[in-house]
Protein backbone atom coordinates (compact mmCIF):
# COMPACT_ATOMS: atom_id res chain seq x y z
CA MET A 1 0.00 0.00 0.00
CA HIS A 2 1.25 3.48 -0.85
CA LYS A 3 0.94 6.25 1.72
CA ILE A 4 -0.26 9.82 1.38
CA GLY A 5 0.67 12.31 4.07
CA ILE A 6 -0.70 15.84 4.35
CA ASP A 7 0.83 18.45 6.62
CA LEU A 8 -1.59 21.32 7.23
CA GLY A 9 0.36 24.33 8.41
CA GLY A 10 -0.51 27.95 9.04
CA THR A 11 1.18 29.12 5.82
CA LYS A 12 1.57 26.01 3.69
CA ILE A 13 -0.03 22.64 3.04
CA GLU A 14 2.42 19.94 2.04
CA GLY A 15 1.47 16.62 0.50
CA ILE A 16 3.64 13.58 -0.12
CA LEU A 17 3.12 10.17 -1.70
CA LEU A 18 5.41 7.38 -0.50
CA ASP A 19 5.85 3.79 -1.57
CA GLU A 20 6.03 0.81 0.83
CA LYS A 21 9.70 1.56 1.64
CA TYR A 22 9.02 5.27 2.30
CA ASN A 23 10.59 6.37 -0.97
CA THR A 24 9.08 9.60 -2.30
CA ILE A 25 6.98 9.23 -5.43
CA GLN A 26 5.47 12.73 -5.51
CA ARG A 27 5.63 15.80 -3.33
CA LYS A 28 3.91 19.18 -3.52
CA ARG A 29 3.41 22.31 -1.42
CA ILE A 30 0.66 24.87 -1.75
CA GLU A 31 -0.19 27.96 0.29
CA THR A 32 -2.77 27.54 3.05
CA HIS A 33 -4.43 30.95 2.66
CA GLN A 34 -6.16 30.59 6.02
CA GLU A 35 -7.55 34.10 5.52
CA ASN A 36 -9.90 32.49 2.97
CA GLY A 37 -11.51 30.42 5.70
CA TYR A 38 -12.24 26.85 6.66
CA ASP A 39 -14.08 25.69 3.53
CA PHE A 40 -11.23 26.88 1.31
CA ILE A 41 -8.71 24.88 3.38
CA VAL A 42 -10.83 21.72 3.18
CA LYS A 43 -11.13 22.04 -0.61
CA SER A 44 -7.37 22.60 -0.91
CA ILE A 45 -6.63 19.44 1.10
CA ILE A 46 -9.08 17.33 -0.93
CA SER A 47 -7.63 18.63 -4.20
CA LEU A 48 -4.08 17.84 -3.08
CA ILE A 49 -4.99 14.32 -1.94
CA ASN A 50 -6.73 13.56 -5.23
CA GLU A 51 -3.75 14.90 -7.17
CA LEU A 52 -1.39 12.60 -5.26
CA LYS A 53 -3.72 9.61 -5.64
CA ALA A 54 -3.62 10.09 -9.40
CA LYS A 55 0.16 9.45 -9.34
CA THR A 56 -0.22 5.80 -8.35
CA ASP A 57 -2.32 2.83 -9.37
CA LYS A 58 -1.92 1.25 -5.93
CA GLU A 59 -4.28 1.49 -2.98
CA THR A 60 -3.38 4.41 -0.72
CA SER A 61 -3.77 5.29 2.94
CA VAL A 62 -4.18 8.93 3.98
CA GLY A 63 -2.79 10.53 7.11
CA ILE A 64 -3.17 14.19 7.98
CA CYS A 65 -1.10 16.31 10.34
CA THR A 66 -3.00 19.31 11.73
CA PRO A 67 -2.44 22.21 14.10
CA GLY A 68 -4.59 21.55 17.15
CA ILE A 69 -6.22 18.34 18.27
CA THR A 70 -9.47 16.54 17.52
CA GLY A 71 -11.78 16.18 20.51
CA ILE A 72 -12.42 12.53 21.30
CA ASN A 73 -16.13 12.97 21.97
CA SER A 74 -16.97 15.89 19.69
CA GLY A 75 -14.81 15.14 16.67
CA LEU A 76 -14.14 18.89 16.44
CA ILE A 77 -10.77 20.64 16.22
CA LYS A 78 -9.66 22.47 19.36
CA ASN A 79 -6.51 24.19 20.65
CA SER A 80 -5.45 25.25 17.15
CA ASN A 81 -3.48 28.40 16.39
CA THR A 82 -5.02 28.26 12.89
CA GLN A 83 -8.16 29.63 14.42
CA CYS A 84 -10.57 29.09 11.51
CA LEU A 85 -10.24 25.34 12.25
CA ILE A 86 -11.44 25.61 15.86
CA GLY A 87 -14.81 23.96 16.41
CA MET A 88 -14.87 22.42 12.93
CA PRO A 89 -15.29 18.69 12.05
CA LEU A 90 -12.21 18.58 9.81
CA LYS A 91 -11.67 14.82 9.85
CA ASN A 92 -15.34 14.10 9.17
CA ASP A 93 -15.55 16.64 6.35
CA ILE A 94 -12.48 15.23 4.59
CA GLU A 95 -13.71 11.64 4.97
CA LYS A 96 -17.08 12.62 3.50
CA ALA A 97 -15.44 14.22 0.48
CA LEU A 98 -13.06 11.30 -0.09
CA GLU A 99 -15.67 8.66 0.78
CA SER A 100 -12.99 6.80 2.74
CA GLN A 101 -11.44 6.82 6.19
CA ILE A 102 -8.33 8.78 7.08
CA VAL A 103 -6.07 9.06 10.13
CA MET A 104 -5.53 12.49 11.68
CA GLU A 105 -3.15 13.67 14.40
CA ASN A 106 -1.84 16.99 15.61
CA ASP A 107 1.40 18.35 14.21
CA ALA A 108 3.47 17.81 17.34
CA ASN A 109 2.50 14.13 17.56
CA CYS A 110 3.35 13.67 13.88
CA PHE A 111 6.68 15.42 14.39
CA ALA A 112 7.55 13.24 17.40
CA LEU A 113 6.54 10.05 15.56
CA ALA A 114 8.59 10.89 12.48
CA GLU A 115 11.70 11.82 14.44
CA SER A 116 11.41 8.72 16.65
CA LEU A 117 11.09 6.30 13.72
CA LEU A 118 13.03 8.00 10.92
CA GLY A 119 14.90 10.94 12.42
CA SER A 120 17.35 11.99 15.10
CA ALA A 121 15.47 10.29 17.97
CA LYS A 122 15.55 6.87 16.31
CA GLY A 123 16.55 4.18 18.80
CA TYR A 124 15.17 5.92 21.90
CA ASP A 125 12.22 4.33 23.72
CA VAL A 126 10.56 7.42 25.24
CA VAL A 127 10.71 10.49 23.01
CA PHE A 128 9.41 13.96 23.77
CA GLY A 129 9.13 15.91 20.53
CA VAL A 130 8.98 19.68 20.76
CA ILE A 131 7.69 22.13 18.18
CA MET A 132 8.72 25.72 18.74
CA GLY A 133 7.56 27.81 15.83
CA THR A 134 4.48 29.95 15.29
CA GLY A 135 3.13 28.06 18.30
CA VAL A 136 4.60 25.70 20.88
CA GLY A 137 3.52 22.08 21.04
CA GLY A 138 4.77 18.68 22.07
CA GLY A 139 4.26 15.02 21.36
CA ILE A 140 5.13 11.86 23.29
CA VAL A 141 6.13 8.62 21.57
CA ILE A 142 6.69 5.48 23.63
CA ASN A 143 8.18 2.43 21.91
CA GLY A 144 7.17 3.75 18.49
CA THR A 145 3.58 4.57 19.46
CA ILE A 146 2.07 8.01 20.07
CA HIS A 147 0.93 8.45 23.65
CA LYS A 148 -2.25 10.54 23.37
CA GLY A 149 -3.52 10.52 26.94
CA ARG A 150 -7.07 10.03 28.18
CA THR A 151 -8.44 13.13 26.41
CA ASN A 152 -5.93 13.41 23.56
CA ILE A 153 -3.92 16.30 25.04
CA ALA A 154 -0.76 14.50 26.20
CA GLY A 155 2.35 16.52 25.45
CA GLU A 156 0.66 19.94 25.23
CA TRP A 157 3.43 21.68 27.16
CA GLY A 158 2.93 24.90 25.18
CA HIS A 159 -0.19 25.59 27.22
CA HIS A 160 1.01 24.84 30.69
CA THR A 161 1.31 27.98 32.78
CA LEU A 162 4.81 29.39 32.86
CA ARG A 163 3.96 32.80 34.35
CA PRO A 164 0.71 32.98 36.38
CA GLY A 165 -1.21 36.09 35.37
CA GLY A 166 1.22 36.63 32.50
CA ASN A 167 0.81 37.14 28.76
CA GLU A 168 -2.65 36.53 27.35
CA CYS A 169 -2.95 33.48 25.10
CA TYR A 170 -5.46 32.78 22.33
CA CYS A 171 -6.54 29.70 24.33
CA GLY A 172 -8.10 31.99 26.95
CA ASN A 173 -5.50 31.45 29.66
CA GLN A 174 -2.65 33.69 30.76
CA GLY A 175 1.06 32.96 31.03
CA CYS A 176 1.20 29.97 28.66
CA VAL A 177 4.64 28.79 27.54
CA GLU A 178 3.65 29.57 23.94
CA THR A 179 3.28 33.26 24.74
CA TYR A 180 6.94 33.43 25.81
CA ILE A 181 9.05 31.12 23.64
CA SER A 182 7.22 30.83 20.32
CA GLY A 183 8.74 32.66 17.37
CA PRO A 184 6.18 35.50 17.37
CA ALA A 185 6.46 35.86 21.16
CA LEU A 186 10.24 36.18 20.97
CA GLU A 187 9.99 38.77 18.20
CA LYS A 188 7.41 40.71 20.19
CA ARG A 189 9.63 40.70 23.27
CA TRP A 190 12.60 41.99 21.23
CA LEU A 191 10.43 44.87 20.01
CA GLU A 192 9.40 45.68 23.60
CA ILE A 193 13.01 45.69 24.83
CA THR A 194 14.78 47.38 21.90
CA GLY A 195 12.05 49.19 19.97
CA GLN A 196 13.21 47.31 16.87
CA LYS A 197 10.92 45.13 14.80
CA HIS A 198 13.04 42.26 13.52
CA SER A 199 12.58 38.65 12.45
CA LEU A 200 14.01 35.97 14.71
CA GLN A 201 16.76 35.31 12.15
CA LEU A 202 18.01 38.89 12.59
CA ILE A 203 17.53 38.92 16.36
CA VAL A 204 19.61 35.86 17.25
CA PRO A 205 23.00 37.24 16.05
CA GLN A 206 22.37 40.33 18.21
CA ALA A 207 21.32 38.35 21.30
CA SER A 208 24.79 38.42 22.81
CA VAL A 209 24.73 42.23 22.63
CA ASP A 210 21.30 42.67 24.21
CA LYS A 211 21.61 40.14 26.99
CA GLN A 212 18.21 40.82 28.57
CA TRP A 213 16.35 39.16 25.68
CA LYS A 214 18.58 36.10 25.66
CA LEU A 215 18.59 35.68 29.44
CA GLU A 216 14.79 35.89 29.61
CA PHE A 217 14.46 33.42 26.76
CA LEU A 218 16.85 30.95 28.37
CA GLU A 219 15.09 31.20 31.73
CA ASN A 220 11.67 30.57 30.18
CA PHE A 221 12.99 27.74 27.99
CA GLY A 222 14.79 26.18 30.97
CA ILE A 223 11.81 26.24 33.32
CA SER A 224 9.41 24.95 30.66
CA LEU A 225 11.45 21.93 29.59
CA ALA A 226 12.65 21.16 33.13
CA ASN A 227 9.00 20.73 34.10
CA VAL A 228 8.60 18.23 31.25
CA ILE A 229 11.64 16.25 32.39
CA ASP A 230 10.46 16.25 36.00
CA ILE A 231 7.09 14.80 34.97
CA LEU A 232 7.97 12.49 32.05
CA ASP A 233 11.74 11.86 32.37
CA PRO A 234 12.03 11.01 28.65
CA ASP A 235 14.98 9.23 27.07
CA VAL A 236 15.46 12.15 24.67
CA ILE A 237 14.01 15.54 23.79
CA VAL A 238 14.11 16.49 20.11
CA LEU A 239 13.52 20.09 19.12
CA GLY A 240 11.68 21.17 15.97
CA GLY A 241 10.13 24.25 14.43
CA GLY A 242 11.87 27.46 13.38
CA VAL A 243 13.00 28.35 16.91
CA SER A 244 14.89 25.03 17.10
CA ASN A 245 17.41 26.46 14.61
CA ILE A 246 18.85 28.77 17.29
CA PRO A 247 22.33 27.32 18.02
CA PHE A 248 22.59 28.38 21.66
CA LEU A 249 19.63 26.19 22.65
CA TYR A 250 21.92 23.15 22.49
CA ASP A 251 24.51 24.46 24.94
CA ASP A 252 23.29 27.47 26.95
CA GLY A 253 19.71 26.26 26.54
CA LYS A 254 20.48 22.75 27.70
CA LYS A 255 22.30 24.14 30.74
CA ALA A 256 19.29 26.36 31.53
CA VAL A 257 17.08 23.25 31.50
CA TYR A 258 19.45 21.12 33.55
CA ASP A 259 19.79 23.86 36.19
CA LYS A 260 16.05 23.62 36.87
CA VAL A 261 15.55 19.83 36.83
CA PHE A 262 14.76 18.15 40.15
CA SER A 263 17.71 15.76 40.09
CA ASP A 264 21.42 15.78 40.83
CA SER A 265 22.01 13.48 37.85
CA ILE A 266 20.67 14.78 34.53
CA GLU A 267 21.41 12.89 31.34
CA THR A 268 18.48 13.79 29.08
CA PRO A 269 19.82 14.54 25.58
CA ILE A 270 18.31 17.66 24.00
CA ILE A 271 18.91 17.31 20.28
CA LYS A 272 18.01 18.92 16.98
CA ASN A 273 15.66 17.23 14.52
CA ASN A 274 16.90 15.56 11.33
CA LEU A 275 13.81 15.90 9.15
CA GLY A 276 13.33 19.67 9.33
CA ASP A 277 9.96 20.98 8.25
CA SER A 278 9.28 17.68 6.49
CA ALA A 279 8.79 15.82 9.78
CA GLY A 280 5.07 16.60 9.84
CA VAL A 281 4.32 15.18 6.41
CA PHE A 282 6.41 12.02 7.03
CA GLY A 283 4.73 11.62 10.41
CA ALA A 284 1.33 11.86 8.73
CA CYS A 285 2.30 8.98 6.44
CA LEU A 286 3.49 6.93 9.41
CA LEU A 287 0.13 7.22 11.17
CA SER A 288 -1.28 4.39 9.08
CA ARG A 289 1.72 2.06 9.16
């Protein structure tokens, strides 16, 4: 059976068709255009799936990686930073259009699965996969299987409270991790400190000059991931998303985490991903293995 994976992101939708050995047959990216609304996104996904299906004469499975999670009882998307998806029956609508079943998981779970089976976390039993990009999310993979939790929210470290009464989050709470160490949050904080509006790529080389920004970032990163280690004690943490490209996270950042962990012996590797922004689409394919 050939496998189709779809990665629904805030700015792009990527589709891939793989053979039985995970060799790429066809791959395509299109813009999400979330400003056009939910129905437009659904039609774009259906069109991309059908285009990929036309490239093979074999039976295909379909897995979809989405921002946010699907409620177990409601079947509706929740906790998504692509807000036009919230409260919508995305899985059901796609299955209706295709007249076949699909598998759907959130982007952090797909990332963690792909990195644990094909990427830099291969060979580790308990993997915590981190996405730090437009939002902050996490996924847990244990012995090659996604650990979803009782209500499908396992790994959602981006919405645990880092600063009580702190920054407002789209989720309705205050002080969420996402509002401090996501890409947009870091850019916003740089603007507040320096008065300069820069992209993260331009900020990082200047971080050693303006130490307040870097020190705050490291403190927030350290507390957030130390809490994860204290609760889960994973075999490895693999970082993904645009923020994971910051080099100092793997030395100064790791030290900031280790300084906060409740243990006198800390051995948790904190490593960079191997699959880059393709982890989501490969993870989507792996959902139906």
